[in-house]
């Protein structure tokens, strides 16, 4: 005798928990909204419509003269160069720091407890990476603009320091998240830290490390434009100049180019991730 089908309940059995956590989230979010004076309804105030229309109307039509487009193309290439050079220098900081601060590549930790010297060095390097990534690249750029003057050098150094800290932290987490059996076996057989990294750790995590590096390069392109507002060169500096001169047509052209540049970087990084996946 077949049993009758049981009709599914129409009420979500977890609805009370969902409502509770939703309400708790709103309660916790409310003080943050009050502290930031978040008032989006002012955008629809009648007194704000006219200046908003005038501001948007100043963007039209975009400037497309050959001379201006040539300048934008040069500054766009400079922006990409700043991001690429900055990330390359960041790798110079991040890779050695990762190799020296990662427990999975520690020879003294093979016995179960890391020796005092390597442990102290590991902690100092981790604190150095914390300091580097804690200071925003915009602040580093302001410092370097005063030291080396206006221009791309300040942007490159700013990206290198901040992204060096970011890459070093994430690289270390990626390496320590995997199985360390192969690297430990090699080091117990007498191989050095670098050999264990190249032949045991890197092949396992190469795709993940490369994917994150490419993602950071894409972020560096966006950052290099922002750094231009403090005199670090590139497309952002020209954008800042046009905004100060109230030339909305030039601003619109550079914004469209920047959108295309970020979209191209996103497509490039996605293609590399697919190739590595």
Protein backbone atom coordinates (compact mmCIF):
# COMPACT_ATOMS: atom_id res chain seq x y z
CA UNK A 1 0.00 0.00 0.00
CA UNK A 2 1.62 3.27 -1.14
CA UNK A 3 1.67 6.13 1.27
CA UNK A 4 -0.09 9.36 0.43
CA UNK A 5 2.21 12.23 -0.65
CA UNK A 6 2.91 14.69 2.09
CA UNK A 7 2.08 18.28 1.11
CA UNK A 8 4.98 20.67 1.70
CA UNK A 9 4.50 23.24 4.41
CA UNK A 10 3.82 26.76 3.19
CA UNK A 11 5.60 28.43 6.07
CA UNK A 12 9.36 28.76 6.22
CA UNK A 13 10.40 26.94 9.43
CA UNK A 14 13.31 29.33 9.87
CA UNK A 15 11.37 32.55 9.32
CA UNK A 16 11.60 33.65 12.96
CA UNK A 17 15.39 33.29 12.96
CA UNK A 18 15.62 35.18 9.67
CA UNK A 19 13.48 38.03 10.97
CA UNK A 20 15.47 38.16 14.20
CA UNK A 21 18.86 38.40 12.48
CA UNK A 22 17.52 40.92 9.97
CA UNK A 23 16.27 43.09 12.81
CA UNK A 24 19.55 42.68 14.72
CA UNK A 25 21.48 43.74 11.62
CA UNK A 26 19.35 46.86 11.24
CA UNK A 27 19.80 47.73 14.91
CA UNK A 28 23.58 47.44 14.57
CA UNK A 29 23.60 49.38 11.29
CA UNK A 30 21.52 52.29 12.57
CA UNK A 31 24.24 53.88 14.79
CA UNK A 32 26.65 53.75 11.83
CA UNK A 33 24.13 55.55 9.61
CA UNK A 34 23.57 58.18 12.30
CA UNK A 35 27.32 58.68 12.82
CA UNK A 36 27.89 59.18 9.08
CA UNK A 37 24.88 61.52 8.74
CA UNK A 38 23.56 59.34 5.92
CA UNK A 39 20.64 61.26 4.41
CA UNK A 40 20.02 60.09 0.84
CA UNK A 41 16.68 61.88 0.62
CA UNK A 42 18.47 65.23 0.22
CA UNK A 43 19.26 64.15 -3.35
CA UNK A 44 15.57 64.58 -4.21
CA UNK A 45 15.20 67.97 -2.55
CA UNK A 46 13.87 70.55 -5.07
CA UNK A 47 16.69 72.98 -4.29
CA UNK A 48 19.27 70.41 -5.37
CA UNK A 49 17.81 69.60 -8.79
CA UNK A 50 19.05 72.73 -10.59
CA UNK A 51 22.75 72.48 -9.55
CA UNK A 52 22.65 68.74 -10.30
CA UNK A 53 21.32 69.38 -13.81
CA UNK A 54 23.88 72.12 -14.42
CA UNK A 55 26.71 69.89 -13.23
CA UNK A 56 25.67 66.97 -15.46
CA UNK A 57 25.05 69.27 -18.42
CA UNK A 58 28.62 70.58 -18.20
CA UNK A 59 29.85 67.10 -19.14
CA UNK A 60 28.29 67.34 -22.58
CA UNK A 61 29.58 67.17 -25.17
CA UNK A 62 32.84 65.30 -24.39
CA UNK A 63 36.00 66.82 -25.85
CA UNK A 64 37.25 64.69 -28.75
CA UNK A 65 39.81 66.95 -30.43
CA UNK A 66 42.86 65.06 -31.76
CA UNK A 67 45.27 67.03 -29.58
CA UNK A 68 43.32 66.32 -26.40
CA UNK A 69 42.81 62.63 -27.25
CA UNK A 70 46.55 62.30 -27.90
CA UNK A 71 47.28 63.71 -24.45
CA UNK A 72 44.71 61.36 -22.87
CA UNK A 73 46.28 58.37 -24.63
CA UNK A 74 49.74 59.29 -23.28
CA UNK A 75 48.44 59.75 -19.74
CA UNK A 76 46.44 56.52 -19.94
CA UNK A 77 49.58 54.62 -20.89
CA UNK A 78 51.41 56.37 -18.05
CA UNK A 79 48.68 55.28 -15.65
CA UNK A 80 49.08 51.64 -16.69
CA UNK A 81 52.86 52.00 -16.39
CA UNK A 82 52.55 53.41 -12.85
CA UNK A 83 50.33 50.50 -11.80
CA UNK A 84 52.56 47.88 -13.41
CA UNK A 85 55.81 49.30 -12.01
CA UNK A 86 54.22 49.68 -8.57
CA UNK A 87 53.00 46.08 -8.47
CA UNK A 88 56.40 44.84 -9.70
CA UNK A 89 58.16 46.64 -6.84
CA UNK A 90 55.49 45.35 -4.48
CA UNK A 91 56.45 41.81 -5.50
CA UNK A 92 60.07 42.60 -4.64
CA UNK A 93 58.84 43.38 -1.11
CA UNK A 94 56.19 40.67 -0.80
CA UNK A 95 57.99 37.57 -2.10
CA UNK A 96 61.05 37.67 0.23
CA UNK A 97 58.85 38.67 3.17
CA UNK A 98 56.52 35.76 2.46
CA UNK A 99 59.35 33.22 2.18
CA UNK A 100 60.89 34.39 5.45
CA UNK A 101 57.66 34.76 7.45
CA UNK A 102 55.73 31.66 6.37
CA UNK A 103 55.76 28.84 8.90
CA UNK A 104 55.32 26.17 6.25
CA UNK A 105 58.81 27.03 4.92
CA UNK A 106 60.50 27.20 8.32
CA UNK A 107 63.33 24.68 8.79
CA UNK A 108 63.34 25.08 12.56
CA UNK A 109 59.57 24.38 12.75
CA UNK A 110 60.08 20.83 11.47
CA UNK A 111 60.78 19.70 15.02
CA UNK A 112 57.37 21.00 16.12
CA UNK A 113 58.37 24.30 17.67
CA UNK A 114 60.02 27.17 15.83
CA UNK A 115 63.33 28.41 17.23
CA UNK A 116 63.40 31.79 18.98
CA UNK A 117 65.40 33.61 16.31
CA UNK A 118 63.25 32.58 13.32
CA UNK A 119 60.09 33.18 15.36
CA UNK A 120 61.12 36.75 16.24
CA UNK A 121 62.11 37.43 12.62
CA UNK A 122 58.79 36.04 11.42
CA UNK A 123 56.84 38.29 13.79
CA UNK A 124 58.86 41.38 12.84
CA UNK A 125 58.23 40.75 9.14
CA UNK A 126 54.52 40.27 9.76
CA UNK A 127 54.38 43.53 11.68
CA UNK A 128 56.24 45.24 8.83
CA UNK A 129 53.63 43.99 6.37
CA UNK A 130 50.89 45.23 8.70
CA UNK A 131 52.45 48.71 8.80
CA UNK A 132 52.87 48.85 5.02
CA UNK A 133 49.28 47.90 4.22
CA UNK A 134 47.78 49.92 7.08
CA UNK A 135 48.91 53.20 5.53
CA UNK A 136 46.72 53.93 2.47
CA UNK A 137 48.53 54.45 -0.80
CA UNK A 138 47.08 57.97 -0.93
CA UNK A 139 48.95 58.86 2.26
CA UNK A 140 52.16 57.31 0.96
CA UNK A 141 51.74 59.34 -2.24
CA UNK A 142 51.39 62.57 -0.26
CA UNK A 143 54.62 61.75 1.56
CA UNK A 144 56.55 60.87 -1.61
CA UNK A 145 55.26 63.91 -3.49
CA UNK A 146 57.02 66.03 -0.87
CA UNK A 147 60.17 63.88 -1.05
CA UNK A 148 60.61 63.27 -4.80
CA UNK A 149 58.29 65.96 -6.17
CA UNK A 150 55.28 65.78 -8.43
CA UNK A 151 55.16 62.99 -10.98
CA UNK A 152 54.75 59.24 -11.48
CA UNK A 153 57.62 58.28 -9.16
CA UNK A 154 55.53 59.13 -6.10
CA UNK A 155 52.66 56.99 -7.40
CA UNK A 156 54.90 54.02 -8.12
CA UNK A 157 56.45 54.10 -4.65
CA UNK A 158 53.07 54.55 -2.95
CA UNK A 159 51.57 51.52 -4.73
CA UNK A 160 54.73 49.48 -4.08
CA UNK A 161 54.62 49.94 -0.30
CA UNK A 162 50.90 49.47 0.27
CA UNK A 163 50.51 46.60 -2.18
CA UNK A 164 53.72 44.99 -0.92
CA UNK A 165 52.05 44.66 2.48
CA UNK A 166 48.82 43.37 0.97
CA UNK A 167 50.49 40.83 -1.31
CA UNK A 168 52.80 39.59 1.45
CA UNK A 169 49.89 38.98 3.81
CA UNK A 170 47.72 37.17 1.30
CA UNK A 171 50.62 35.16 -0.15
CA UNK A 172 51.44 33.91 3.34
CA UNK A 173 47.83 32.92 4.01
CA UNK A 174 47.61 31.09 0.68
CA UNK A 175 50.82 29.13 1.33
CA UNK A 176 49.84 28.19 4.88
CA UNK A 177 46.32 27.12 3.89
CA UNK A 178 47.52 24.11 1.90
CA UNK A 179 49.03 20.76 2.79
CA UNK A 180 52.66 21.13 3.91
CA UNK A 181 53.53 17.42 3.70
CA UNK A 182 55.51 17.72 0.46
CA UNK A 183 57.52 20.77 1.56
CA UNK A 184 58.24 19.27 4.98
CA UNK A 185 59.43 16.04 3.36
CA UNK A 186 61.82 17.89 1.07
CA UNK A 187 63.27 19.98 3.89
CA UNK A 188 63.72 16.89 6.07
CA UNK A 189 65.68 15.33 3.21
CA UNK A 190 68.09 18.27 3.22
CA UNK A 191 66.66 20.71 0.68
CA UNK A 192 66.62 24.42 1.45
CA UNK A 193 63.71 26.76 1.92
CA UNK A 194 63.87 28.03 -1.67
CA UNK A 195 63.96 24.52 -3.16
CA UNK A 196 60.96 23.48 -1.06
CA UNK A 197 59.08 26.53 -2.24
CA UNK A 198 59.88 26.03 -5.93
CA UNK A 199 59.25 22.29 -6.11
CA UNK A 200 56.57 21.64 -3.47
CA UNK A 201 54.66 24.78 -2.50
CA UNK A 202 54.62 26.86 -5.67
CA UNK A 203 53.24 24.17 -8.04
CA UNK A 204 50.32 23.62 -5.67
CA UNK A 205 49.37 27.28 -5.28
CA UNK A 206 50.62 28.84 -8.55
CA UNK A 207 47.15 29.45 -10.00
CA UNK A 208 45.81 31.05 -6.81
CA UNK A 209 48.90 33.22 -6.33
CA UNK A 210 48.87 34.42 -9.93
CA UNK A 211 45.13 35.09 -9.87
CA UNK A 212 45.43 37.28 -6.78
CA UNK A 213 48.45 39.11 -8.22
CA UNK A 214 46.57 39.93 -11.42
CA UNK A 215 43.60 41.12 -9.36
CA UNK A 216 45.89 43.43 -7.41
CA UNK A 217 47.32 44.78 -10.66
CA UNK A 218 43.77 45.61 -11.74
CA UNK A 219 43.20 47.40 -8.42
CA UNK A 220 46.49 49.26 -8.85
CA UNK A 221 45.24 50.75 -12.12
CA UNK A 222 42.28 52.23 -10.28
CA UNK A 223 44.52 53.42 -7.44
CA UNK A 224 46.96 55.10 -9.83
CA UNK A 225 44.15 57.32 -11.11
CA UNK A 226 43.22 58.36 -7.57
CA UNK A 227 46.87 59.06 -6.74
CA UNK A 228 46.97 61.50 -9.63
CA UNK A 229 44.75 63.85 -7.61
CA UNK A 230 47.64 64.46 -5.20
CA UNK A 231 50.16 65.07 -7.97
CA UNK A 232 51.38 61.52 -8.59
CA UNK A 233 50.99 61.79 -12.37
CA UNK A 234 48.95 59.85 -14.86
CA UNK A 235 45.35 60.22 -15.93
CA UNK A 236 44.19 61.24 -12.47
CA UNK A 237 46.36 64.34 -12.41
CA UNK A 238 44.96 65.51 -15.74
CA UNK A 239 41.45 64.74 -14.49
CA UNK A 240 42.08 66.86 -11.42
CA UNK A 241 43.36 69.75 -13.56
CA UNK A 242 40.26 69.66 -15.78
CA UNK A 243 37.95 69.58 -12.78
CA UNK A 244 39.68 72.59 -11.25
CA UNK A 245 39.21 74.46 -14.54
CA UNK A 246 35.49 73.45 -14.59
CA UNK A 247 35.99 71.83 -18.00
CA UNK A 248 33.29 69.17 -17.84
CA UNK A 249 33.78 68.03 -21.44
CA UNK A 250 37.39 67.05 -20.76
CA UNK A 251 36.35 65.34 -17.54
CA UNK A 252 33.70 63.34 -19.38
CA UNK A 253 36.19 62.17 -22.00
CA UNK A 254 38.72 61.05 -19.41
CA UNK A 255 36.04 59.30 -17.35
CA UNK A 256 34.93 57.35 -20.42
CA UNK A 257 38.55 56.40 -21.15
CA UNK A 258 39.05 55.36 -17.54
CA UNK A 259 35.92 53.19 -17.62
CA UNK A 260 37.20 51.53 -20.80
CA UNK A 261 40.63 51.06 -19.19
CA UNK A 262 39.19 49.36 -16.10
CA UNK A 263 36.94 47.18 -18.27
CA UNK A 264 39.96 46.14 -20.36
CA UNK A 265 41.95 45.33 -17.22
CA UNK A 266 39.03 43.29 -15.91
CA UNK A 267 38.80 41.33 -19.17
CA UNK A 268 42.56 40.73 -19.14
CA UNK A 269 42.56 39.46 -15.56
CA UNK A 270 39.54 37.23 -16.25
CA UNK A 271 41.27 35.72 -19.29
CA UNK A 272 44.41 35.02 -17.26
CA UNK A 273 42.36 33.38 -14.49
CA UNK A 274 40.65 31.13 -17.03
CA UNK A 275 44.00 30.21 -18.54
CA UNK A 276 45.40 29.34 -15.12
CA UNK A 277 42.25 27.57 -13.98
